[in-house]
Amino acid sequence: MEGWVQGVGFRDFCVKCADRLGVVGYAMNLSDGRVRVVAEGTRDRIEALSRELERGPRLGRVDRAIVSWHPASGEFTGFGVRYARHGA
């Protein structure tokens, strides 16, 4: 999932939602202002996470969300915040 968001705390909101749903992966701010979320779990849990993130935190605003599906990598053991390298 990738999209434009406004509001402080979106990545932390992602972590709380993912932890509650038992989803693993990460949330990362990109240099152009978008947020990228990579999540792995069952399809129903990923769909639930997507709905939560499209709604966003109470004080935030999600302008647009794009969801794409890929095979799971199996590399994640939890859900956390990553920090983008310049140009990501």
Protein backbone atom coordinates (compact mmCIF):
# COMPACT_ATOMS: atom_id res chain seq x y z
CA MET A 1 0.00 0.00 0.00
CA GLU A 2 1.30 3.42 -0.84
CA GLY A 3 -0.30 6.83 -0.70
CA TRP A 4 -0.41 10.42 0.42
CA VAL A 5 -1.26 11.20 4.03
CA GLN A 6 -1.37 14.31 6.17
CA GLY A 7 -1.13 14.27 9.92
CA VAL A 8 1.40 13.40 12.56
CA GLY A 9 1.61 9.81 13.73
CA PHE A 10 0.52 7.87 10.66
CA ARG A 11 3.39 5.38 10.86
CA ASP A 12 2.68 4.74 14.55
CA PHE A 13 -0.99 4.27 13.65
CA CYS A 14 0.11 1.68 11.07
CA VAL A 15 2.16 -0.18 13.68
CA LYS A 16 -0.75 -0.30 16.15
CA CYS A 17 -3.22 -1.52 13.51
CA ALA A 18 -0.83 -4.15 12.16
CA ASP A 19 0.04 -5.42 15.63
CA ARG A 20 -3.64 -5.69 16.55
CA LEU A 21 -4.36 -7.64 13.35
CA GLY A 22 -1.29 -9.89 13.57
CA VAL A 23 0.25 -8.54 10.36
CA VAL A 24 4.01 -8.19 9.82
CA GLY A 25 5.98 -5.76 7.66
CA TYR A 26 6.76 -2.04 7.87
CA ALA A 27 5.62 1.55 7.30
CA MET A 28 8.02 4.09 5.80
CA ASN A 29 7.82 7.78 4.87
CA LEU A 30 9.15 8.39 1.37
CA SER A 31 11.12 11.48 0.40
CA ASP A 32 8.25 12.83 -1.72
CA GLY A 33 5.76 12.84 1.17
CA ARG A 34 4.09 9.50 0.51
CA VAL A 35 3.99 6.63 2.98
CA ARG A 36 4.74 3.08 1.89
CA VAL A 37 3.34 0.17 3.89
CA VAL A 38 4.52 -3.36 3.20
CA ALA A 39 2.45 -5.95 5.02
CA GLU A 40 2.29 -9.74 5.10
CA GLY A 41 -0.42 -11.91 6.61
CA THR A 42 -3.60 -13.65 5.59
CA ARG A 43 -5.63 -11.96 2.87
CA ASP A 44 -8.48 -11.11 5.25
CA ARG A 45 -6.08 -9.49 7.73
CA ILE A 46 -4.34 -7.50 4.99
CA GLU A 47 -7.70 -6.33 3.68
CA ALA A 48 -8.71 -5.28 7.22
CA LEU A 49 -5.40 -3.40 7.60
CA SER A 50 -5.96 -1.69 4.26
CA ARG A 51 -9.42 -0.50 5.35
CA GLU A 52 -8.01 0.85 8.63
CA LEU A 53 -5.15 2.66 6.89
CA GLU A 54 -7.43 4.16 4.25
CA ARG A 55 -9.49 5.65 7.09
CA GLY A 56 -6.35 6.81 8.89
CA PRO A 57 -5.84 8.03 12.44
CA ARG A 58 -8.40 10.30 14.05
CA LEU A 59 -6.38 13.49 13.49
CA GLY A 60 -4.85 12.50 10.16
CA ARG A 61 -6.07 12.60 6.61
CA VAL A 62 -5.45 10.00 3.90
CA ASP A 63 -5.66 11.62 0.48
CA ARG A 64 -5.14 8.54 -1.63
CA ALA A 65 -4.19 4.90 -1.15
CA ILE A 66 -2.94 2.47 -3.76
CA VAL A 67 -2.89 -1.23 -2.91
CA SER A 68 -0.89 -3.77 -4.87
CA TRP A 69 -0.58 -7.48 -4.11
CA HIS A 70 2.68 -9.43 -4.29
CA PRO A 71 3.82 -12.85 -3.03
CA ALA A 72 4.90 -12.81 0.62
CA SER A 73 8.67 -12.68 1.18
CA GLY A 74 8.57 -14.30 4.61
CA GLU A 75 11.33 -11.96 5.80
CA PHE A 76 9.34 -10.16 8.54
CA THR A 77 8.85 -11.24 12.14
CA GLY A 78 6.98 -8.14 13.34
CA PHE A 79 5.72 -4.78 12.13
CA GLY A 80 7.84 -1.65 12.50
CA VAL A 81 8.88 1.70 11.10
CA ARG A 82 11.63 2.00 8.51
CA TYR A 83 13.40 5.15 7.43
CA ALA A 84 13.84 5.82 3.72
CA ARG A 85 17.18 6.42 2.15
CA HIS A 86 17.41 9.62 0.14
CA GLY A 87 15.64 9.17 -3.18
CA ALA A 88 13.47 6.24 -2.03
